[in-house]
Amino acid sequence: MTFVLGGPGIEPGQESGPTAHVDLAPTLLELLGVPASARASYSNGENLLAPVAGRVRVISGWDEAGLWIPEGILRVPLEGHRGAVEALTFDWQPHPDEDALLARCGPQLQSLAAACRRFLR
């Protein structure tokens, strides 16, 4: 899918990093003058014109979320009775280095948990 944005003061360019539909509101509202400091009160997205380095792609369904990272997918159940976080390969098999991968991705998992809490409030 392609999103094209143009207008006065918008430099030509292309964002190839992870983006999502939730990035549209912050991008457009900040172009209209809403301060970036207010973003957390209305969106979990980022401004597409100020991309975050090292951002991971968040994927979700009704009862689980995931982080699409270069090494695979971290599958996160959103209800406690559904099990623990899993590290998977891109073909949905258990990751051969699951424990080490989960240990390295602690900050990204904490960020996902914080975003989920903020969204559900």
PDB file of N, CA and C in Angstrom:
ATOM      1  N   MET A   1       0.838  -1.166   0.000  1.00  0.00           N
ATOM      2  CA  MET A   1       0.000   0.000   0.000  1.00  0.00           C
ATOM      3  C   MET A   1       0.890   1.238   0.000  1.00  0.00           C
ATOM      4  N   THR A   2       0.462   2.245  -0.690  1.00  0.00           N
ATOM      5  CA  THR A   2       1.225   3.476  -0.787  1.00  0.00           C
ATOM      6  C   THR A   2       0.388   4.641  -0.264  1.00  0.00           C
ATOM      7  N   PHE A   3       1.026   5.502   0.491  1.00  0.00           N
ATOM      8  CA  PHE A   3       0.412   6.725   0.981  1.00  0.00           C
ATOM      9  C   PHE A   3       1.260   7.875   0.454  1.00  0.00           C
ATOM     10  N   VAL A   4       0.635   8.797  -0.240  1.00  0.00           N
ATOM     11  CA  VAL A   4       1.354   9.932  -0.808  1.00  0.00           C
ATOM     12  C   VAL A   4       0.871  11.200  -0.114  1.00  0.00           C
ATOM     13  N   LEU A   5       1.833  12.013   0.315  1.00  0.00           N
ATOM     14  CA  LEU A   5       1.522  13.251   1.005  1.00  0.00           C
ATOM     15  C   LEU A   5       2.350  14.358   0.382  1.00  0.00           C
ATOM     16  N   GLY A   6       1.720  15.458   0.048  1.00  0.00           N
ATOM     17  CA  GLY A   6       2.444  16.581  -0.518  1.00  0.00           C
ATOM     18  C   GLY A   6       1.851  17.884  -0.033  1.00  0.00           C
ATOM     19  N   GLY A   7       2.662  18.929  -0.113  1.00  0.00           N
ATOM     20  CA  GLY A   7       2.160  20.228   0.290  1.00  0.00           C
ATOM     21  C   GLY A   7       3.304  21.159   0.613  1.00  0.00           C
ATOM     22  N   PRO A   8       2.989  22.412   0.915  1.00  0.00           N
ATOM     23  CA  PRO A   8       4.028  23.383   1.241  1.00  0.00           C
ATOM     24  C   PRO A   8       4.849  22.939   2.451  1.00  0.00           C
ATOM     25  N   GLY A   9       6.150  22.999   2.322  1.00  0.00           N
ATOM     26  CA  GLY A   9       7.050  22.668   3.419  1.00  0.00           C
ATOM     27  C   GLY A   9       7.313  21.185   3.611  1.00  0.00           C
ATOM     28  N   ILE A  10       6.716  20.339   2.790  1.00  0.00           N
ATOM     29  CA  ILE A  10       6.936  18.893   2.906  1.00  0.00           C
ATOM     30  C   ILE A  10       7.990  18.497   1.883  1.00  0.00           C
ATOM     31  N   GLU A  11       9.124  18.046   2.397  1.00  0.00           N
ATOM     32  CA  GLU A  11      10.239  17.656   1.532  1.00  0.00           C
ATOM     33  C   GLU A  11       9.936  16.333   0.841  1.00  0.00           C
ATOM     34  N   PRO A  12      10.342  16.198  -0.430  1.00  0.00           N
ATOM     35  CA  PRO A  12      10.169  14.905  -1.109  1.00  0.00           C
ATOM     36  C   PRO A  12      10.970  13.826  -0.389  1.00  0.00           C
ATOM     37  N   GLY A  13      10.430  12.641  -0.342  1.00  0.00           N
ATOM     38  CA  GLY A  13      11.132  11.533   0.289  1.00  0.00           C
ATOM     39  C   GLY A  13      10.264  10.302   0.335  1.00  0.00           C
ATOM     40  N   GLN A  14      10.830   9.245   0.847  1.00  0.00           N
ATOM     41  CA  GLN A  14      10.112   7.988   0.959  1.00  0.00           C
ATOM     42  C   GLN A  14      10.504   7.332   2.273  1.00  0.00           C
ATOM     43  N   GLU A  15       9.517   6.880   3.025  1.00  0.00           N
ATOM     44  CA  GLU A  15       9.768   6.181   4.282  1.00  0.00           C
ATOM     45  C   GLU A  15       9.689   4.689   4.015  1.00  0.00           C
ATOM     46  N   SER A  16      10.757   3.967   4.264  1.00  0.00           N
ATOM     47  CA  SER A  16      10.761   2.530   4.012  1.00  0.00           C
ATOM     48  C   SER A  16      10.733   1.717   5.308  1.00  0.00           C
ATOM     49  N   GLY A  17      10.758   2.388   6.454  1.00  0.00           N
ATOM     50  CA  GLY A  17      10.697   1.689   7.731  1.00  0.00           C
ATOM     51  C   GLY A  17       9.278   1.281   8.071  1.00  0.00           C
ATOM     52  N   PRO A  18       9.096   0.564   9.182  1.00  0.00           N
ATOM     53  CA  PRO A  18       7.761   0.137   9.583  1.00  0.00           C
ATOM     54  C   PRO A  18       6.847   1.326   9.862  1.00  0.00           C
ATOM     55  N   THR A  19       5.672   1.298   9.268  1.00  0.00           N
ATOM     56  CA  THR A  19       4.647   2.319   9.499  1.00  0.00           C
ATOM     57  C   THR A  19       3.304   1.618   9.675  1.00  0.00           C
ATOM     58  N   ALA A  20       2.294   2.356  10.095  1.00  0.00           N
ATOM     59  CA  ALA A  20       0.967   1.784  10.287  1.00  0.00           C
ATOM     60  C   ALA A  20      -0.081   2.873  10.075  1.00  0.00           C
ATOM     61  N   HIS A  21      -1.325   2.429   9.943  1.00  0.00           N
ATOM     62  CA  HIS A  21      -2.410   3.390   9.746  1.00  0.00           C
ATOM     63  C   HIS A  21      -2.529   4.363  10.915  1.00  0.00           C
ATOM     64  N   VAL A  22      -2.120   3.958  12.110  1.00  0.00           N
ATOM     65  CA  VAL A  22      -2.208   4.863  13.265  1.00  0.00           C
ATOM     66  C   VAL A  22      -1.225   6.027  13.160  1.00  0.00           C
ATOM     67  N   ASP A  23      -0.323   5.992  12.180  1.00  0.00           N
ATOM     68  CA  ASP A  23       0.622   7.081  11.976  1.00  0.00           C
ATOM     69  C   ASP A  23       0.010   8.256  11.200  1.00  0.00           C
ATOM     70  N   LEU A  24      -1.112   8.022  10.549  1.00  0.00           N
ATOM     71  CA  LEU A  24      -1.715   9.085   9.731  1.00  0.00           C
ATOM     72  C   LEU A  24      -2.194  10.258  10.581  1.00  0.00           C
ATOM     73  N   ALA A  25      -2.911   9.966  11.663  1.00  0.00           N
ATOM     74  CA  ALA A  25      -3.444  11.063  12.499  1.00  0.00           C
ATOM     75  C   ALA A  25      -2.334  11.948  13.057  1.00  0.00           C
ATOM     76  N   PRO A  26      -1.292  11.395  13.695  1.00  0.00           N
ATOM     77  CA  PRO A  26      -0.252  12.285  14.209  1.00  0.00           C
ATOM     78  C   PRO A  26       0.438  13.085  13.106  1.00  0.00           C
ATOM     79  N   THR A  27       0.637  12.465  11.952  1.00  0.00           N
ATOM     80  CA  THR A  27       1.301  13.156  10.848  1.00  0.00           C
ATOM     81  C   THR A  27       0.471  14.364  10.409  1.00  0.00           C
ATOM     82  N   LEU A  28      -0.806  14.140  10.155  1.00  0.00           N
ATOM     83  CA  LEU A  28      -1.665  15.220   9.665  1.00  0.00           C
ATOM     84  C   LEU A  28      -1.934  16.268  10.745  1.00  0.00           C
ATOM     85  N   LEU A  29      -2.196  15.830  11.963  1.00  0.00           N
ATOM     86  CA  LEU A  29      -2.490  16.804  13.028  1.00  0.00           C
ATOM     87  C   LEU A  29      -1.280  17.679  13.346  1.00  0.00           C
ATOM     88  N   GLU A  30      -0.087  17.096  13.326  1.00  0.00           N
ATOM     89  CA  GLU A  30       1.099  17.905  13.608  1.00  0.00           C
ATOM     90  C   GLU A  30       1.400  18.863  12.461  1.00  0.00           C
ATOM     91  N   LEU A  31       1.051  18.494  11.228  1.00  0.00           N
ATOM     92  CA  LEU A  31       1.167  19.446  10.121  1.00  0.00           C
ATOM     93  C   LEU A  31       0.212  20.620  10.305  1.00  0.00           C
ATOM     94  N   LEU A  32      -0.924  20.359  10.967  1.00  0.00           N
ATOM     95  CA  LEU A  32      -1.918  21.407  11.210  1.00  0.00           C
ATOM     96  C   LEU A  32      -1.639  22.215  12.473  1.00  0.00           C
ATOM     97  N   GLY A  33      -0.574  21.873  13.199  1.00  0.00           N
ATOM     98  CA  GLY A  33      -0.176  22.676  14.340  1.00  0.00           C
ATOM     99  C   GLY A  33      -0.344  22.049  15.706  1.00  0.00           C
ATOM    100  N   VAL A  34      -0.891  20.848  15.790  1.00  0.00           N
ATOM    101  CA  VAL A  34      -0.999  20.189  17.096  1.00  0.00           C
ATOM    102  C   VAL A  34       0.413  19.830  17.554  1.00  0.00           C
ATOM    103  N   PRO A  35       0.781  20.170  18.778  1.00  0.00           N
ATOM    104  CA  PRO A  35       2.150  19.880  19.229  1.00  0.00           C
ATOM    105  C   PRO A  35       2.402  18.381  19.373  1.00  0.00           C
ATOM    106  N   ALA A  36       3.616  17.966  19.035  1.00  0.00           N
ATOM    107  CA  ALA A  36       3.999  16.556  19.154  1.00  0.00           C
ATOM    108  C   ALA A  36       3.869  16.076  20.595  1.00  0.00           C
ATOM    109  N   SER A  37       4.031  16.964  21.542  1.00  0.00           N
ATOM    110  CA  SER A  37       3.939  16.579  22.960  1.00  0.00           C
ATOM    111  C   SER A  37       2.535  16.106  23.341  1.00  0.00           C
ATOM    112  N   ALA A  38       1.523  16.418  22.541  1.00  0.00           N
ATOM    113  CA  ALA A  38       0.146  16.000  22.822  1.00  0.00           C
ATOM    114  C   ALA A  38      -0.189  14.647  22.199  1.00  0.00           C
ATOM    115  N   ARG A  39       0.708  14.103  21.396  1.00  0.00           N
ATOM    116  CA  ARG A  39       0.424  12.891  20.625  1.00  0.00           C
ATOM    117  C   ARG A  39      -0.044  11.722  21.484  1.00  0.00           C
ATOM    118  N   ALA A  40       0.582  11.486  22.611  1.00  0.00           N
ATOM    119  CA  ALA A  40       0.231  10.333  23.450  1.00  0.00           C
ATOM    120  C   ALA A  40      -1.214  10.391  23.939  1.00  0.00           C
ATOM    121  N   SER A  41      -1.828  11.560  23.950  1.00  0.00           N
ATOM    122  CA  SER A  41      -3.207  11.674  24.428  1.00  0.00           C
ATOM    123  C   SER A  41      -4.235  11.266  23.378  1.00  0.00           C
ATOM    124  N   TYR A  42      -3.834  11.108  22.114  1.00  0.00           N
ATOM    125  CA  TYR A  42      -4.811  10.761  21.084  1.00  0.00           C
ATOM    126  C   TYR A  42      -4.369   9.642  20.143  1.00  0.00           C
ATOM    127  N   SER A  43      -3.127   9.158  20.244  1.00  0.00           N
ATOM    128  CA  SER A  43      -2.686   8.152  19.278  1.00  0.00           C
ATOM    129  C   SER A  43      -1.508   7.330  19.797  1.00  0.00           C
ATOM    130  N   ASN A  44      -1.403   6.102  19.316  1.00  0.00           N
ATOM    131  CA  ASN A  44      -0.230   5.267  19.542  1.00  0.00           C
ATOM    132  C   ASN A  44       0.732   5.373  18.366  1.00  0.00           C
ATOM    133  N   GLY A  45       0.399   6.190  17.370  1.00  0.00           N
ATOM    134  CA  GLY A  45       1.204   6.307  16.167  1.00  0.00           C
ATOM    135  C   GLY A  45       2.352   7.288  16.294  1.00  0.00           C
ATOM    136  N   GLU A  46       3.096   7.388  15.203  1.00  0.00           N
ATOM    137  CA  GLU A  46       4.246   8.291  15.099  1.00  0.00           C
ATOM    138  C   GLU A  46       4.025   9.227  13.922  1.00  0.00           C
ATOM    139  N   ASN A  47       4.730  10.332  13.892  1.00  0.00           N
ATOM    140  CA  ASN A  47       4.685  11.261  12.771  1.00  0.00           C
ATOM    141  C   ASN A  47       5.542  10.686  11.643  1.00  0.00           C
ATOM    142  N   LEU A  48       4.941  10.434  10.493  1.00  0.00           N
ATOM    143  CA  LEU A  48       5.672   9.863   9.360  1.00  0.00           C
ATOM    144  C   LEU A  48       6.762  10.787   8.830  1.00  0.00           C
ATOM    145  N   LEU A  49       6.664  12.079   9.135  1.00  0.00           N
ATOM    146  CA  LEU A  49       7.671  13.026   8.676  1.00  0.00           C
ATOM    147  C   LEU A  49       8.833  13.152   9.655  1.00  0.00           C
ATOM    148  N   ALA A  50       8.750  12.433  10.771  1.00  0.00           N
ATOM    149  CA  ALA A  50       9.833  12.384  11.761  1.00  0.00           C
ATOM    150  C   ALA A  50       9.983  10.932  12.214  1.00  0.00           C
ATOM    151  N   PRO A  51      10.426  10.059  11.316  1.00  0.00           N
ATOM    152  CA  PRO A  51      10.452   8.626  11.625  1.00  0.00           C
ATOM    153  C   PRO A  51      11.363   8.287  12.796  1.00  0.00           C
ATOM    154  N   VAL A  52      10.951   7.271  13.538  1.00  0.00           N
ATOM    155  CA  VAL A  52      11.691   6.798  14.705  1.00  0.00           C
ATOM    156  C   VAL A  52      12.700   5.749  14.237  1.00  0.00           C
ATOM    157  N   ALA A  53      13.966   5.951  14.589  1.00  0.00           N
ATOM    158  CA  ALA A  53      15.004   4.981  14.223  1.00  0.00           C
ATOM    159  C   ALA A  53      14.790   3.686  14.992  1.00  0.00           C
ATOM    160  N   GLY A  54      14.911   2.565  14.320  1.00  0.00           N
ATOM    161  CA  GLY A  54      14.819   1.275  14.978  1.00  0.00           C
ATOM    162  C   GLY A  54      13.420   0.875  15.399  1.00  0.00           C
ATOM    163  N   ARG A  55      12.410   1.493  14.844  1.00  0.00           N
ATOM    164  CA  ARG A  55      11.028   1.160  15.200  1.00  0.00           C
ATOM    165  C   ARG A  55      10.700  -0.254  14.729  1.00  0.00           C
ATOM    166  N   VAL A  56       9.961  -0.983  15.546  1.00  0.00           N
ATOM    167  CA  VAL A  56       9.527  -2.318  15.160  1.00  0.00           C
ATOM    168  C   VAL A  56       8.065  -2.252  14.741  1.00  0.00           C
ATOM    169  N   ARG A  57       7.659  -3.184  13.922  1.00  0.00           N
ATOM    170  CA  ARG A  57       6.277  -3.225  13.431  1.00  0.00           C
ATOM    171  C   ARG A  57       5.417  -3.981  14.438  1.00  0.00           C
ATOM    172  N   VAL A  58       4.314  -3.370  14.856  1.00  0.00           N
ATOM    173  CA  VAL A  58       3.360  -4.010  15.764  1.00  0.00           C
ATOM    174  C   VAL A  58       2.229  -4.579  14.923  1.00  0.00           C
ATOM    175  N   ILE A  59       1.896  -5.841  15.186  1.00  0.00           N
ATOM    176  CA  ILE A  59       0.768  -6.489  14.525  1.00  0.00           C
ATOM    177  C   ILE A  59      -0.171  -6.963  15.627  1.00  0.00           C
ATOM    178  N   SER A  60      -1.471  -6.993  15.351  1.00  0.00           N
ATOM    179  CA  SER A  60      -2.378  -7.409  16.422  1.00  0.00           C
ATOM    180  C   SER A  60      -3.649  -8.000  15.865  1.00  0.00           C
ATOM    181  N   GLY A  61      -4.288  -8.748  16.726  1.00  0.00           N
ATOM    182  CA  GLY A  61      -5.595  -9.318  16.477  1.00  0.00           C
ATOM    183  C   GLY A  61      -6.462  -9.053  17.690  1.00  0.00           C
ATOM    184  N   TRP A  62      -7.577  -9.749  17.775  1.00  0.00           N
ATOM    185  CA  TRP A  62      -8.502  -9.530  18.871  1.00  0.00           C
ATOM    186  C   TRP A  62      -7.904  -9.908  20.219  1.00  0.00           C
ATOM    187  N   ASP A  63      -7.174 -11.046  20.265  1.00  0.00           N
ATOM    188  CA  ASP A  63      -6.713 -11.539  21.555  1.00  0.00           C
ATOM    189  C   ASP A  63      -5.203 -11.720  21.654  1.00  0.00           C
ATOM    190  N   GLU A  64      -4.480 -11.202  20.685  1.00  0.00           N
ATOM    191  CA  GLU A  64      -3.026 -11.267  20.752  1.00  0.00           C
ATOM    192  C   GLU A  64      -2.413 -10.127  19.947  1.00  0.00           C
ATOM    193  N   ALA A  65      -1.189  -9.813  20.301  1.00  0.00           N
ATOM    194  CA  ALA A  65      -0.430  -8.798  19.579  1.00  0.00           C
ATOM    195  C   ALA A  65       0.921  -9.410  19.249  1.00  0.00           C
ATOM    196  N   GLY A  66       1.648  -8.734  18.414  1.00  0.00           N
ATOM    197  CA  GLY A  66       2.967  -9.238  18.074  1.00  0.00           C
ATOM    198  C   GLY A  66       3.890  -8.115  17.659  1.00  0.00           C
ATOM    199  N   LEU A  67       5.168  -8.413  17.740  1.00  0.00           N
ATOM    200  CA  LEU A  67       6.199  -7.500  17.249  1.00  0.00           C
ATOM    201  C   LEU A  67       6.917  -8.198  16.109  1.00  0.00           C
ATOM    202  N   TRP A  68       6.921  -7.573  14.955  1.00  0.00           N
ATOM    203  CA  TRP A  68       7.627  -8.081  13.779  1.00  0.00           C
ATOM    204  C   TRP A  68       9.006  -7.444  13.827  1.00  0.00           C
ATOM    205  N   ILE A  69       9.999  -8.243  14.168  1.00  0.00           N
ATOM    206  CA  ILE A  69      11.361  -7.760  14.326  1.00  0.00           C
ATOM    207  C   ILE A  69      12.247  -8.447  13.288  1.00  0.00           C
ATOM    208  N   PRO A  70      13.449  -7.966  13.044  1.00  0.00           N
ATOM    209  CA  PRO A  70      14.295  -8.582  12.016  1.00  0.00           C
ATOM    210  C   PRO A  70      14.554 -10.082  12.224  1.00  0.00           C
ATOM    211  N   GLU A  71      14.555 -10.536  13.483  1.00  0.00           N
ATOM    212  CA  GLU A  71      14.848 -11.940  13.768  1.00  0.00           C
ATOM    213  C   GLU A  71      13.630 -12.847  13.712  1.00  0.00           C
ATOM    214  N   GLY A  72      12.424 -12.305  13.667  1.00  0.00           N
ATOM    215  CA  GLY A  72      11.214 -13.114  13.659  1.00  0.00           C
ATOM    216  C   GLY A  72      10.034 -12.355  14.228  1.00  0.00           C
ATOM    217  N   ILE A  73       9.121 -13.093  14.857  1.00  0.00           N
ATOM    218  CA  ILE A  73       7.895 -12.510  15.388  1.00  0.00           C
ATOM    219  C   ILE A  73       7.787 -12.864  16.869  1.00  0.00           C
ATOM    220  N   LEU A  74       7.498 -11.859  17.687  1.00  0.00           N
ATOM    221  CA  LEU A  74       7.230 -12.095  19.102  1.00  0.00           C
ATOM    222  C   LEU A  74       5.717 -12.068  19.277  1.00  0.00           C
ATOM    223  N   ARG A  75       5.147 -13.196  19.622  1.00  0.00           N
ATOM    224  CA  ARG A  75       3.698 -13.346  19.764  1.00  0.00           C
ATOM    225  C   ARG A  75       3.332 -13.129  21.236  1.00  0.00           C
ATOM    226  N   VAL A  76       2.427 -12.176  21.493  1.00  0.00           N
ATOM    227  CA  VAL A  76       2.090 -11.763  22.855  1.00  0.00           C
ATOM    228  C   VAL A  76       0.599 -11.961  23.086  1.00  0.00           C
ATOM    229  N   PRO A  77       0.213 -12.919  23.933  1.00  0.00           N
ATOM    230  CA  PRO A  77      -1.213 -13.071  24.249  1.00  0.00           C
ATOM    231  C   PRO A  77      -1.692 -11.871  25.056  1.00  0.00           C
ATOM    232  N   LEU A  78      -2.905 -11.416  24.788  1.00  0.00           N
ATOM    233  CA  LEU A  78      -3.431 -10.252  25.499  1.00  0.00           C
ATOM    234  C   LEU A  78      -4.293 -10.638  26.696  1.00  0.00           C
ATOM    235  N   GLU A  79      -4.514 -11.932  26.898  1.00  0.00           N
ATOM    236  CA  GLU A  79      -5.220 -12.414  28.077  1.00  0.00           C
ATOM    237  C   GLU A  79      -4.306 -13.406  28.767  1.00  0.00           C
ATOM    238  N   GLY A  80      -4.161 -13.284  30.072  1.00  0.00           N
ATOM    239  CA  GLY A  80      -3.213 -14.079  30.835  1.00  0.00           C
ATOM    240  C   GLY A  80      -3.364 -15.580  30.682  1.00  0.00           C
ATOM    241  N   HIS A  81      -4.576 -16.075  30.487  1.00  0.00           N
ATOM    242  CA  HIS A  81      -4.783 -17.519  30.411  1.00  0.00           C
ATOM    243  C   HIS A  81      -4.373 -18.107  29.058  1.00  0.00           C
ATOM    244  N   ARG A  82      -3.941 -17.287  28.132  1.00  0.00           N
ATOM    245  CA  ARG A  82      -3.630 -17.768  26.783  1.00  0.00           C
ATOM    246  C   ARG A  82      -2.172 -18.191  26.644  1.00  0.00           C
ATOM    247  N   GLY A  83      -1.378 -18.095  27.680  1.00  0.00           N
ATOM    248  CA  GLY A  83       0.002 -18.551  27.603  1.00  0.00           C
ATOM    249  C   GLY A  83       0.997 -17.415  27.703  1.00  0.00           C
ATOM    250  N   ALA A  84       2.260 -17.769  27.479  1.00  0.00           N
ATOM    251  CA  ALA A  84       3.363 -16.821  27.611  1.00  0.00           C
ATOM    252  C   ALA A  84       3.748 -16.253  26.244  1.00  0.00           C
ATOM    253  N   VAL A  85       4.588 -15.237  26.285  1.00  0.00           N
ATOM    254  CA  VAL A  85       5.138 -14.657  25.056  1.00  0.00           C
ATOM    255  C   VAL A  85       5.968 -15.723  24.351  1.00  0.00           C
ATOM    256  N   GLU A  86       5.831 -15.808  23.035  1.00  0.00           N
ATOM    257  CA  GLU A  86       6.589 -16.767  22.234  1.00  0.00           C
ATOM    258  C   GLU A  86       7.439 -16.034  21.216  1.00  0.00           C
ATOM    259  N   ALA A  87       8.581 -16.575  20.905  1.00  0.00           N
ATOM    260  CA  ALA A  87       9.403 -16.086  19.798  1.00  0.00           C
ATOM    261  C   ALA A  87       9.277 -17.101  18.664  1.00  0.00           C
ATOM    262  N   LEU A  88       8.899 -16.604  17.482  1.00  0.00           N
ATOM    263  CA  LEU A  88       8.659 -17.468  16.329  1.00  0.00           C
ATOM    264  C   LEU A  88       9.495 -17.029  15.141  1.00  0.00           C
ATOM    265  N   THR A  89       9.730 -17.960  14.227  1.00  0.00           N
ATOM    266  CA  THR A  89      10.370 -17.623  12.960  1.00  0.00           C
ATOM    267  C   THR A  89       9.306 -17.033  12.036  1.00  0.00           C
ATOM    268  N   PHE A  90       9.708 -16.554  10.870  1.00  0.00           N
ATOM    269  CA  PHE A  90       8.745 -15.956   9.946  1.00  0.00           C
ATOM    270  C   PHE A  90       7.802 -16.984   9.332  1.00  0.00           C
ATOM    271  N   ASP A  91       8.093 -18.281   9.471  1.00  0.00           N
ATOM    272  CA  ASP A  91       7.154 -19.310   9.026  1.00  0.00           C
ATOM    273  C   ASP A  91       6.387 -19.903  10.214  1.00  0.00           C
ATOM    274  N   TRP A  92       6.302 -19.146  11.311  1.00  0.00           N
ATOM    275  CA  TRP A  92       5.490 -19.428  12.493  1.00  0.00           C
ATOM    276  C   TRP A  92       5.923 -20.694  13.237  1.00  0.00           C
ATOM    277  N   GLN A  93       7.192 -21.017  13.179  1.00  0.00           N
ATOM    278  CA  GLN A  93       7.750 -22.124  13.938  1.00  0.00           C
ATOM    279  C   GLN A  93       8.470 -21.559  15.163  1.00  0.00           C
ATOM    280  N   PRO A  94       8.627 -22.358  16.232  1.00  0.00           N
ATOM    281  CA  PRO A  94       9.366 -21.858  17.404  1.00  0.00           C
ATOM    282  C   PRO A  94      10.765 -21.396  17.005  1.00  0.00           C
ATOM    283  N   HIS A  95      11.154 -20.232  17.489  1.00  0.00           N
ATOM    284  CA  HIS A  95      12.475 -19.682  17.167  1.00  0.00           C
ATOM    285  C   HIS A  95      13.534 -20.531  17.867  1.00  0.00           C
ATOM    286  N   PRO A  96      14.614 -20.909  17.165  1.00  0.00           N
ATOM    287  CA  PRO A  96      15.629 -21.780  17.778  1.00  0.00           C
ATOM    288  C   PRO A  96      16.380 -21.138  18.943  1.00  0.00           C
ATOM    289  N   ASP A  97      16.369 -19.815  19.020  1.00  0.00           N
ATOM    290  CA  ASP A  97      17.089 -19.111  20.089  1.00  0.00           C
ATOM    291  C   ASP A  97      16.104 -18.258  20.894  1.00  0.00           C
ATOM    292  N   GLU A  98      14.963 -18.859  21.235  1.00  0.00           N
ATOM    293  CA  GLU A  98      13.844 -18.121  21.831  1.00  0.00           C
ATOM    294  C   GLU A  98      14.226 -17.377  23.108  1.00  0.00           C
ATOM    295  N   ASP A  99      14.854 -18.032  24.053  1.00  0.00           N
ATOM    296  CA  ASP A  99      15.162 -17.385  25.329  1.00  0.00           C
ATOM    297  C   ASP A  99      16.057 -16.163  25.149  1.00  0.00           C
ATOM    298  N   ALA A 100      17.097 -16.295  24.334  1.00  0.00           N
ATOM    299  CA  ALA A 100      18.012 -15.173  24.108  1.00  0.00           C
ATOM    300  C   ALA A 100      17.305 -14.035  23.378  1.00  0.00           C
ATOM    301  N   LEU A 101      16.463 -14.368  22.406  1.00  0.00           N
ATOM    302  CA  LEU A 101      15.745 -13.340  21.644  1.00  0.00           C
ATOM    303  C   LEU A 101      14.777 -12.581  22.551  1.00  0.00           C
ATOM    304  N   LEU A 102      14.035 -13.299  23.385  1.00  0.00           N
ATOM    305  CA  LEU A 102      13.111 -12.633  24.307  1.00  0.00           C
ATOM    306  C   LEU A 102      13.862 -11.750  25.296  1.00  0.00           C
ATOM    307  N   ALA A 103      15.018 -12.202  25.752  1.00  0.00           N
ATOM    308  CA  ALA A 103      15.825 -11.398  26.678  1.00  0.00           C
ATOM    309  C   ALA A 103      16.305 -10.111  26.010  1.00  0.00           C
ATOM    310  N   ARG A 104      16.730 -10.190  24.742  1.00  0.00           N
ATOM    311  CA  ARG A 104      17.205  -9.001  24.021  1.00  0.00           C
ATOM    312  C   ARG A 104      16.081  -8.023  23.714  1.00  0.00           C
ATOM    313  N   CYS A 105      14.865  -8.524  23.583  1.00  0.00           N
ATOM    314  CA  CYS A 105      13.749  -7.673  23.145  1.00  0.00           C
ATOM    315  C   CYS A 105      12.906  -7.156  24.303  1.00  0.00           C
ATOM    316  N   GLY A 106      13.423  -7.235  25.519  1.00  0.00           N
ATOM    317  CA  GLY A 106      12.693  -6.736  26.681  1.00  0.00           C
ATOM    318  C   GLY A 106      12.206  -5.306  26.533  1.00  0.00           C
ATOM    319  N   PRO A 107      13.057  -4.367  26.085  1.00  0.00           N
ATOM    320  CA  PRO A 107      12.581  -2.979  25.943  1.00  0.00           C
ATOM    321  C   PRO A 107      11.435  -2.837  24.936  1.00  0.00           C
ATOM    322  N   GLN A 108      11.481  -3.561  23.828  1.00  0.00           N
ATOM    323  CA  GLN A 108      10.402  -3.481  22.840  1.00  0.00           C
ATOM    324  C   GLN A 108       9.103  -4.064  23.399  1.00  0.00           C
ATOM    325  N   LEU A 109       9.215  -5.151  24.172  1.00  0.00           N
ATOM    326  CA  LEU A 109       8.024  -5.737  24.783  1.00  0.00           C
ATOM    327  C   LEU A 109       7.433  -4.796  25.840  1.00  0.00           C
ATOM    328  N   GLN A 110       8.280  -4.114  26.589  1.00  0.00           N
ATOM    329  CA  GLN A 110       7.792  -3.142  27.573  1.00  0.00           C
ATOM    330  C   GLN A 110       7.085  -1.986  26.879  1.00  0.00           C
ATOM    331  N   SER A 111       7.622  -1.544  25.754  1.00  0.00           N
ATOM    332  CA  SER A 111       7.000  -0.463  24.992  1.00  0.00           C
ATOM    333  C   SER A 111       5.624  -0.894  24.466  1.00  0.00           C
ATOM    334  N   LEU A 112       5.532  -2.133  23.976  1.00  0.00           N
ATOM    335  CA  LEU A 112       4.245  -2.653  23.509  1.00  0.00           C
ATOM    336  C   LEU A 112       3.249  -2.717  24.656  1.00  0.00           C
ATOM    337  N   ALA A 113       3.673  -3.192  25.828  1.00  0.00           N
ATOM    338  CA  ALA A 113       2.788  -3.268  26.986  1.00  0.00           C
ATOM    339  C   ALA A 113       2.287  -1.876  27.383  1.00  0.00           C
ATOM    340  N   ALA A 114       3.165  -0.888  27.371  1.00  0.00           N
ATOM    341  CA  ALA A 114       2.777   0.478  27.721  1.00  0.00           C
ATOM    342  C   ALA A 114       1.768   1.031  26.712  1.00  0.00           C
ATOM    343  N   ALA A 115       1.973   0.768  25.432  1.00  0.00           N
ATOM    344  CA  ALA A 115       1.048   1.241  24.402  1.00  0.00           C
ATOM    345  C   ALA A 115      -0.316   0.574  24.563  1.00  0.00           C
ATOM    346  N   CYS A 116      -0.348  -0.716  24.882  1.00  0.00           N
ATOM    347  CA  CYS A 116      -1.604  -1.421  25.091  1.00  0.00           C
ATOM    348  C   CYS A 116      -2.341  -0.848  26.301  1.00  0.00           C
ATOM    349  N   ARG A 117      -1.632  -0.610  27.391  1.00  0.00           N
ATOM    350  CA  ARG A 117      -2.253  -0.023  28.576  1.00  0.00           C
ATOM    351  C   ARG A 117      -2.846   1.348  28.260  1.00  0.00           C
ATOM    352  N   ARG A 118      -2.077   2.157  27.543  1.00  0.00           N
ATOM    353  CA  ARG A 118      -2.534   3.507  27.200  1.00  0.00           C
ATOM    354  C   ARG A 118      -3.768   3.432  26.307  1.00  0.00           C
ATOM    355  N   PHE A 119      -3.782   2.512  25.360  1.00  0.00           N
ATOM    356  CA  PHE A 119      -4.905   2.361  24.429  1.00  0.00           C
ATOM    357  C   PHE A 119      -6.164   1.903  25.161  1.00  0.00           C
ATOM    358  N   LEU A 120      -6.011   0.997  26.127  1.00  0.00           N
ATOM    359  CA  LEU A 120      -7.166   0.429  26.803  1.00  0.00           C
ATOM    360  C   LEU A 120      -7.748   1.307  27.889  1.00  0.00           C
ATOM    361  N   ARG A 121      -7.090   2.392  28.223  1.00  0.00           N
ATOM    362  CA  ARG A 121      -7.620   3.313  29.252  1.00  0.00           C
ATOM    363  C   ARG A 121      -8.749   4.145  28.723  1.00  0.00           C
TER     364      ARG A 121
END
